[in-house]
Protein backbone atom coordinates (compact mmCIF):
# COMPACT_ATOMS: atom_id res chain seq x y z
CA MET A 1 109.16 141.88 19.52
CA GLN A 2 112.43 143.77 19.98
CA VAL A 3 113.67 142.50 16.61
CA GLU A 4 110.49 143.75 14.94
CA ALA A 5 110.80 147.13 16.65
CA ASP A 6 114.41 147.47 15.48
CA ALA A 7 113.34 146.56 11.95
CA VAL A 8 110.64 149.25 11.99
CA THR A 9 113.15 151.81 13.27
CA ASP A 10 115.67 150.94 10.56
CA SER A 11 112.96 151.07 7.90
CA GLY A 12 111.86 154.50 9.12
CA ALA A 13 115.43 155.77 9.05
CA ARG A 14 115.86 154.59 5.48
CA ARG A 15 112.66 156.38 4.46
CA ARG A 16 113.83 159.72 5.82
CA ASP A 17 114.19 162.37 3.15
CA PRO A 18 117.93 162.78 2.43
CA ARG A 19 117.35 166.43 1.49
CA ARG A 20 115.82 167.08 4.89
CA ILE A 21 118.80 165.42 6.56
CA LEU A 22 121.19 167.67 4.62
CA ARG A 23 119.10 170.74 5.40
CA ASP A 24 119.04 169.97 9.12
CA GLU A 25 122.76 169.24 9.10
CA THR A 26 123.52 172.55 7.41
CA LEU A 27 121.38 174.51 9.84
CA LEU A 28 123.03 172.81 12.82
CA VAL A 29 126.54 173.50 11.51
CA LEU A 30 125.66 177.17 11.00
CA ALA A 31 123.97 177.38 14.39
CA LEU A 32 127.20 176.12 15.97
CA SER A 33 129.40 178.52 14.04
CA LEU A 34 128.99 181.53 11.78
CA GLY A 35 125.21 181.55 11.73
CA ALA A 36 125.26 182.16 15.47
CA SER A 37 127.95 184.79 14.94
CA GLY A 38 125.63 186.51 12.48
CA VAL A 39 122.83 186.72 15.04
CA SER A 40 125.28 187.97 17.68
CA ALA A 41 126.57 190.63 15.28
CA LEU A 42 123.01 191.76 14.50
CA ILE A 43 122.24 192.17 18.21
CA SER A 44 125.49 194.12 18.64
CA PHE A 45 124.62 196.33 15.67
CA VAL A 46 121.17 197.11 17.07
CA GLY A 47 122.83 198.07 20.33
CA SER A 48 125.23 200.37 18.52
CA VAL A 49 122.65 202.20 16.39
CA THR A 50 120.36 202.73 19.39
CA LYS A 51 123.18 204.10 21.53
CA PRO A 52 123.52 207.89 21.73
CA GLY A 53 126.17 209.22 19.37
CA GLY A 54 127.28 208.20 15.90
CA LEU A 55 128.68 204.85 14.87
CA LYS A 56 132.15 206.22 14.16
CA ASP A 57 132.35 207.42 17.77
CA GLN A 58 131.99 203.82 18.96
CA ALA A 59 134.58 201.07 18.71
CA ALA A 60 134.49 197.38 17.81
CA THR A 61 137.48 195.64 19.34
CA MET A 62 138.92 192.35 18.09
CA ASN A 63 141.65 190.19 19.64
CA ALA A 64 141.34 191.73 23.09
CA SER A 65 143.06 190.52 26.23
CA ALA A 66 141.19 187.72 28.02
CA ALA A 67 143.06 188.10 31.31
CA PRO A 68 144.60 191.58 31.67
CA GLY A 69 147.72 191.63 33.78
CA ARG A 70 148.11 187.83 33.70
CA PRO A 71 150.04 187.07 30.49
CA TRP A 72 150.30 183.28 30.85
CA LEU A 73 146.62 182.89 31.65
CA ASP A 74 145.84 185.31 28.83
CA LEU A 75 147.90 183.21 26.41
CA THR A 76 146.08 180.07 27.53
CA TRP A 77 142.72 181.67 26.88
CA GLN A 78 143.84 182.98 23.49
CA LEU A 79 145.01 179.54 22.32
CA PHE A 80 141.90 177.89 23.74
CA GLY A 81 139.68 180.30 21.82
CA ILE A 82 141.54 179.75 18.56
CA ALA A 83 141.41 175.95 18.92
CA THR A 84 137.73 175.73 19.86
CA ALA A 85 136.75 178.09 17.04
CA LEU A 86 138.02 175.47 14.58
CA VAL A 87 135.85 172.65 15.95
CA PRO A 88 133.10 173.30 13.35
CA VAL A 89 135.71 172.77 10.62
CA ALA A 90 136.61 169.42 12.19
CA LEU A 91 132.90 168.58 12.28
CA ILE A 92 132.57 169.40 8.58
CA ALA A 93 135.58 167.22 7.79
CA HIS A 94 133.89 164.38 9.69
CA LEU A 95 130.57 164.86 7.92
CA LEU A 96 132.23 164.95 4.51
CA LEU A 97 134.24 161.80 5.28
CA ARG A 98 131.00 160.01 6.17
CA GLU A 99 129.73 160.66 2.66
CA GLY A 100 132.98 159.41 1.16
CA ALA A 101 134.47 162.82 0.44
CA GLY A 102 136.54 165.00 2.77
CA LEU A 103 137.98 168.51 2.89
CA ARG A 104 139.91 167.70 -0.29
CA THR A 105 136.66 167.85 -2.22
CA LEU A 106 136.45 171.52 -1.20
CA GLY A 107 139.99 172.15 -2.33
CA PHE A 108 141.33 172.49 1.20
CA ASP A 109 144.47 170.35 1.09
CA ARG A 110 148.17 170.54 0.28
CA THR A 111 148.06 169.18 -3.25
CA ARG A 112 148.61 172.59 -4.91
CA PRO A 113 150.49 174.77 -2.40
CA TRP A 114 152.26 177.14 -4.78
CA PRO A 115 149.28 177.98 -7.01
CA ASP A 116 147.17 178.47 -3.86
CA LEU A 117 149.80 180.78 -2.35
CA GLY A 118 150.25 182.77 -5.56
CA ARG A 119 146.56 183.23 -6.20
CA GLY A 120 145.88 184.02 -2.56
CA ALA A 121 148.58 186.68 -2.45
CA ALA A 122 147.21 188.30 -5.60
CA ILE A 123 143.67 188.36 -4.19
CA ALA A 124 144.90 189.86 -0.91
CA ALA A 125 146.84 192.59 -2.71
CA VAL A 126 143.77 193.71 -4.65
CA ILE A 127 141.18 193.40 -1.88
CA GLY A 128 143.46 194.74 0.85
CA SER A 129 144.02 198.15 -0.73
CA THR A 130 140.40 198.66 -1.73
CA GLY A 131 139.19 197.33 1.62
CA ILE A 132 141.14 199.91 3.62
CA ALA A 133 139.85 202.73 1.42
CA PHE A 134 136.26 201.48 1.74
CA TYR A 135 136.53 201.19 5.54
CA LEU A 136 137.91 204.72 5.92
CA ALA A 137 135.19 206.11 3.64
CA ALA A 138 132.39 204.22 5.43
CA ARG A 139 133.63 205.38 8.82
CA GLY A 140 134.00 208.96 7.59
CA LEU A 141 130.40 208.91 6.39
CA GLY A 142 129.23 207.56 9.74
CA PHE A 143 128.26 204.10 8.50
CA ASN A 144 130.90 202.18 10.43
CA LEU A 145 132.25 201.82 13.92
CA THR A 146 135.94 202.39 14.54
CA VAL A 147 137.44 198.91 14.23
CA ILE A 148 140.24 198.10 16.66
CA PRO A 149 141.84 194.97 15.16
CA GLU A 150 143.86 194.14 18.26
CA ALA A 151 144.16 195.24 21.88
CA LEU A 152 146.63 192.73 23.26
CA PRO A 153 149.31 193.66 25.78
CA SER A 154 152.94 194.05 24.69
CA VAL A 155 154.06 190.51 25.47
CA TRP A 156 156.30 188.06 23.59
CA TRP A 157 153.38 186.01 22.25
CA LYS A 158 151.38 188.94 20.88
CA TYR A 159 152.32 188.64 17.20
CA PRO A 160 152.24 184.81 17.01
CA VAL A 161 148.74 184.86 18.52
CA LEU A 162 147.59 187.53 16.08
CA ILE A 163 148.87 185.43 13.17
CA LEU A 164 147.19 182.29 14.52
CA SER A 165 143.96 184.23 15.01
CA ALA A 166 144.10 185.44 11.40
CA VAL A 167 144.63 181.92 10.04
CA GLN A 168 141.85 180.56 12.24
CA ASN A 169 139.43 183.17 10.91
CA ALA A 170 140.39 182.33 7.34
CA VAL A 171 140.03 178.56 7.70
CA LEU A 172 136.73 178.79 9.57
CA GLU A 173 135.09 181.27 7.22
CA GLU A 174 136.24 179.97 3.85
CA VAL A 175 135.63 176.30 4.60
CA ILE A 176 132.14 176.94 5.98
CA VAL A 177 130.84 179.98 4.07
CA VAL A 178 132.22 179.03 0.68
CA GLY A 179 133.18 175.37 0.35
CA TYR A 180 130.76 173.61 2.67
CA LEU A 181 127.75 175.91 2.26
CA LEU A 182 127.88 175.99 -1.53
CA ARG A 183 128.24 172.20 -1.66
CA ARG A 184 125.26 171.62 0.60
CA LEU A 185 123.05 174.23 -1.06
CA GLY A 186 123.84 172.68 -4.43
CA GLN A 187 122.87 169.26 -3.09
CA LEU A 188 119.64 170.79 -1.81
CA GLY A 189 118.79 172.04 -5.30
CA TRP A 190 119.49 175.75 -4.82
CA SER A 191 120.37 177.66 -7.97
CA ALA A 192 123.90 179.00 -8.39
CA GLY A 193 122.72 182.59 -8.04
CA THR A 194 120.67 181.99 -4.91
CA ALA A 195 123.51 180.09 -3.28
CA LEU A 196 125.91 182.93 -4.08
CA VAL A 197 123.57 185.45 -2.44
CA ALA A 198 123.14 183.23 0.63
CA SER A 199 126.90 182.85 1.05
CA ALA A 200 127.58 186.57 0.58
CA VAL A 201 124.81 187.65 2.98
CA LEU A 202 126.03 185.19 5.61
CA ARG A 203 129.56 186.58 5.32
CA GLY A 204 128.27 190.11 5.66
CA SER A 205 125.98 189.24 8.57
CA TYR A 206 128.66 188.23 11.05
CA HIS A 207 130.61 191.41 10.27
CA LEU A 208 127.58 193.60 11.01
CA TYR A 209 128.98 194.38 14.48
CA GLN A 210 131.38 196.70 12.60
CA GLY A 211 128.51 198.65 11.08
CA VAL A 212 126.86 198.99 7.67
CA GLY A 213 130.25 199.36 6.00
CA GLY A 214 131.46 196.06 7.44
CA PHE A 215 128.30 194.33 6.25
CA VAL A 216 128.37 195.70 2.70
CA GLY A 217 132.13 195.40 2.23
CA ASN A 218 132.20 191.78 3.31
CA MET A 219 129.17 190.96 1.18
CA VAL A 220 131.02 192.23 -1.87
CA MET A 221 134.08 190.24 -0.85
CA GLY A 222 131.81 187.20 -0.49
CA VAL A 223 130.57 187.56 -4.06
CA VAL A 224 134.15 187.74 -5.35
CA PHE A 225 135.23 184.72 -3.29
CA VAL A 226 132.31 182.59 -4.48
CA TYR A 227 133.11 183.48 -8.10
CA LEU A 228 136.78 182.55 -7.63
CA TYR A 229 135.89 179.33 -5.83
CA ARG A 230 133.66 178.25 -8.68
CA ARG A 231 136.34 179.17 -11.19
CA TRP A 232 139.16 177.31 -9.43
CA GLY A 233 137.25 174.69 -7.44
CA ARG A 234 139.42 175.30 -4.38
CA VAL A 235 139.08 177.16 -1.09
CA GLY A 236 142.86 176.99 -0.64
CA PRO A 237 143.58 180.31 -2.37
CA LEU A 238 140.75 181.95 -0.45
CA VAL A 239 142.15 180.75 2.87
CA VAL A 240 145.57 182.15 1.90
CA ALA A 241 144.06 185.47 0.83
CA HIS A 242 141.92 185.80 3.94
CA SER A 243 144.86 184.88 6.18
CA LEU A 244 147.06 187.54 4.58
CA LEU A 245 144.31 190.17 4.82
CA ASP A 246 143.74 189.53 8.52
CA ILE A 247 147.45 189.28 9.29
CA GLY A 248 147.89 192.63 7.58
CA ALA A 249 145.02 194.12 9.57
CA PHE A 250 146.00 192.68 12.97
CA VAL A 251 149.77 193.00 12.80
CA GLY A 252 149.65 196.18 10.74
CA TYR A 253 147.43 197.86 13.30
CA ALA A 254 149.68 196.74 16.16
CA LEU A 255 152.68 198.27 14.40
CA LEU A 256 151.08 201.46 13.08
CA ALA A 257 148.45 202.47 15.66
CA HIS A 258 149.18 205.95 17.04
CA ARG A 259 152.09 206.24 14.58
CA VAL A 260 150.26 207.27 11.40
CA PRO A 261 147.65 210.03 11.36
CA TRP A 262 145.19 208.38 8.94
CA LEU A 263 144.59 205.22 11.01
CA PRO A 264 141.59 205.58 13.37
CA THR A 265 142.34 204.26 16.87
CA GLY A 266 139.04 204.87 18.64
């Protein structure tokens, strides 16, 4: 009887719709990562717009101290947060390996380091300058909170942690929002245009805590990144570009805050 029951179970598993399995997998990956971040950002945005005062009079702080006054404990928490944030990427690597692929199929490997670095630097140079101008304009018009890229204490590990945080953001977002999501949506039969919109809206959604400007600006960036990914077939340049953009934002703010008049500091 047990043998028959096992046979029925195996037969049922084989009859399961592979598209449904992929859909459920994609939803679970997003629920464990940037999809959840999007919901959290939406809740934060609702709180900001319903709070007395304008958006630009409120602040959204990134890379804050996790244990003020206790630098070694703070460092431990910072490294723990960076490491655990990358677990969804490890999960995606595992899922892709099970289907006989891997992160290499997304173009996230070391096979083309110099082209990836060159293209990434070029992307960062173009998007970085326009991004700063867009942020300042959106904040000036009252559509954005004042973004505080870092609020870490002046300790020896401050800049290494900011750089690691920037790279972690880049790897997590580009692997999931571009490489993985577009692959799965394509396997589910979504059109190229619909998949592009889904990826761009997702990217904008988890930046909504910054305000309308953060949402729109990152959506536009998402459209550009999807186009470049489809052109090159690699997330490598996008990871480089995103890393450089965030390093510039985090480290640049740490160096320039309260030293230049045009940089809002909350």
